[in-house]
N, C-alpha and C. Protein backbone atom coordinates (compact mmCIF):
# COMPACT_ATOMS: atom_id res chain seq x y z
N UNK A 1 84.77 112.24 137.05
CA UNK A 1 84.01 110.79 137.82
C UNK A 1 82.28 111.25 137.11
N UNK A 2 81.74 110.50 136.19
CA UNK A 2 80.53 111.09 135.49
C UNK A 2 79.66 110.64 136.82
N UNK A 3 79.19 111.24 137.37
CA UNK A 3 77.51 111.86 137.74
C UNK A 3 77.94 111.78 139.62
N UNK A 4 77.06 112.37 140.21
CA UNK A 4 77.75 112.52 141.61
C UNK A 4 77.19 111.30 142.83
N UNK A 5 78.65 110.98 143.42
CA UNK A 5 78.26 109.81 144.58
C UNK A 5 78.17 110.36 145.80
N UNK A 6 76.45 110.45 146.71
CA UNK A 6 76.43 111.25 147.50
C UNK A 6 76.91 110.25 148.40
N UNK A 7 77.45 110.92 149.71
CA UNK A 7 78.60 110.19 151.22
C UNK A 7 77.89 111.04 152.26
N UNK A 8 77.22 110.44 153.23
CA UNK A 8 76.91 111.20 154.25
C UNK A 8 78.26 111.36 155.38
N UNK A 9 79.14 109.89 155.39
CA UNK A 9 80.31 109.80 156.26
C UNK A 9 81.06 110.95 156.20
N UNK A 10 81.48 112.07 157.19
CA UNK A 10 81.92 113.08 156.85
C UNK A 10 83.47 113.20 157.65
N UNK A 11 84.03 112.07 158.09
CA UNK A 11 84.46 111.33 158.68
C UNK A 11 86.29 111.02 157.63
N UNK A 12 85.41 111.26 156.23
CA UNK A 12 86.04 109.92 155.19
C UNK A 12 86.96 111.94 154.39
N UNK A 13 88.11 111.42 154.31
CA UNK A 13 88.91 112.34 153.34
C UNK A 13 88.62 112.81 151.77
N UNK A 14 87.41 111.41 151.57
CA UNK A 14 87.31 112.43 150.05
C UNK A 14 86.09 112.73 150.19
N UNK A 15 84.61 113.24 151.41
CA UNK A 15 83.97 113.39 151.07
C UNK A 15 83.50 115.56 151.01
N UNK A 16 83.85 115.55 150.14
CA UNK A 16 83.74 116.79 149.89
C UNK A 16 82.30 117.58 149.56
N UNK A 17 81.50 118.35 150.86
CA UNK A 17 80.12 118.65 150.82
C UNK A 17 79.03 117.59 151.08
N UNK A 18 79.54 116.59 151.45
CA UNK A 18 78.30 115.29 151.31
C UNK A 18 78.44 114.49 149.96
N UNK A 19 79.68 114.87 149.54
CA UNK A 19 79.49 113.65 147.63
C UNK A 19 81.42 113.68 147.94
N UNK A 20 81.04 111.94 147.00
CA UNK A 20 82.40 111.76 146.95
C UNK A 20 82.98 112.29 146.44
N UNK A 21 84.41 112.16 146.75
CA UNK A 21 85.10 113.35 145.73
C UNK A 21 86.99 112.65 145.35
N UNK A 22 86.11 110.82 145.62
CA UNK A 22 87.20 109.80 145.76
C UNK A 22 87.72 109.67 144.27
N UNK A 23 88.72 109.35 143.38
CA UNK A 23 89.10 109.61 141.99
C UNK A 23 88.85 107.88 141.19
N UNK A 24 88.18 107.23 141.75
CA UNK A 24 87.64 105.81 141.31
C UNK A 24 87.17 104.91 143.40
N UNK A 25 85.94 104.67 143.25
CA UNK A 25 85.55 103.82 144.79
C UNK A 25 85.11 102.82 144.17
N UNK A 26 85.34 101.87 145.49
CA UNK A 26 85.59 100.35 145.85
C UNK A 26 84.31 99.60 147.05
N UNK A 27 83.58 99.07 146.57
CA UNK A 27 82.63 98.61 146.82
C UNK A 27 82.51 97.35 147.03
N UNK A 28 82.59 96.07 148.36
CA UNK A 28 83.18 95.05 148.12
C UNK A 28 81.98 94.74 149.53
N UNK A 29 80.94 93.66 149.48
CA UNK A 29 80.42 93.09 149.95
C UNK A 29 81.02 93.13 152.13
N UNK A 30 80.39 92.66 152.44
CA UNK A 30 80.48 93.04 154.16
C UNK A 30 79.84 91.92 154.69
N UNK A 31 81.10 91.07 154.92
CA UNK A 31 80.74 88.93 155.67
C UNK A 31 79.15 88.60 155.13
N UNK A 32 79.29 88.63 153.87
CA UNK A 32 78.31 88.42 152.99
C UNK A 32 78.98 86.98 151.88
N UNK A 33 78.25 86.31 151.41
CA UNK A 33 78.70 85.75 150.15
C UNK A 33 78.26 86.30 149.42
N UNK A 34 76.70 87.21 149.67
CA UNK A 34 75.95 87.42 148.24
C UNK A 34 74.91 88.46 148.71
N UNK A 35 75.20 89.35 148.84
CA UNK A 35 74.77 90.18 149.17
C UNK A 35 72.97 90.37 148.73
N UNK A 36 71.96 91.46 149.15
CA UNK A 36 70.79 90.75 149.66
C UNK A 36 70.55 92.32 149.29
N UNK A 37 71.23 93.56 150.78
CA UNK A 37 71.16 94.77 150.72
C UNK A 37 72.01 94.96 150.91
N UNK A 38 71.93 96.57 151.13
CA UNK A 38 72.91 97.68 151.53
C UNK A 38 73.95 97.25 152.25
N UNK A 39 72.92 96.71 153.49
CA UNK A 39 73.30 96.71 154.88
C UNK A 39 74.59 95.13 154.71
N UNK A 40 74.25 94.23 153.30
CA UNK A 40 75.51 93.35 153.22
C UNK A 40 76.66 94.18 152.43
N UNK A 41 76.95 95.38 152.50
CA UNK A 41 77.96 95.65 151.69
C UNK A 41 78.72 96.91 151.71
N UNK A 42 79.70 97.08 151.60
CA UNK A 42 80.86 98.41 152.61
C UNK A 42 81.89 98.88 151.25
N UNK A 43 82.27 100.62 151.76
CA UNK A 43 82.54 101.00 150.44
C UNK A 43 84.24 101.22 151.16
N UNK A 44 85.25 100.42 150.31
CA UNK A 44 86.30 100.20 151.07
C UNK A 44 87.52 101.10 150.80
N UNK A 45 86.93 102.18 149.77
CA UNK A 45 87.65 103.61 149.65
C UNK A 45 87.98 104.16 150.87
N UNK A 46 86.89 104.31 151.94
CA UNK A 46 87.68 104.93 153.35
C UNK A 46 88.26 105.51 154.18
N UNK A 47 89.12 106.29 153.65
CA UNK A 47 90.05 106.92 154.11
C UNK A 47 89.57 108.11 155.21
N UNK A 48 90.24 108.25 156.57
CA UNK A 48 89.99 108.26 157.34
C UNK A 48 90.50 109.80 157.39
N UNK A 49 89.92 111.42 157.75
CA UNK A 49 90.31 112.22 157.26
C UNK A 49 91.40 112.70 158.56
N UNK A 50 93.03 113.00 158.39
CA UNK A 50 93.53 113.33 159.62
C UNK A 50 93.49 115.01 160.01
């Protein structure tokens, strides 16, 4: 994956030292038809650590 994606959600399986290590990420709108800020988006790639 080019570049680095910072992620502070340490409960996620893909979080490695505050960086996303997922092979692909998917970001969707969070209850908004037209996102205007990051609060209106969400990471769908999240997978809770076991």
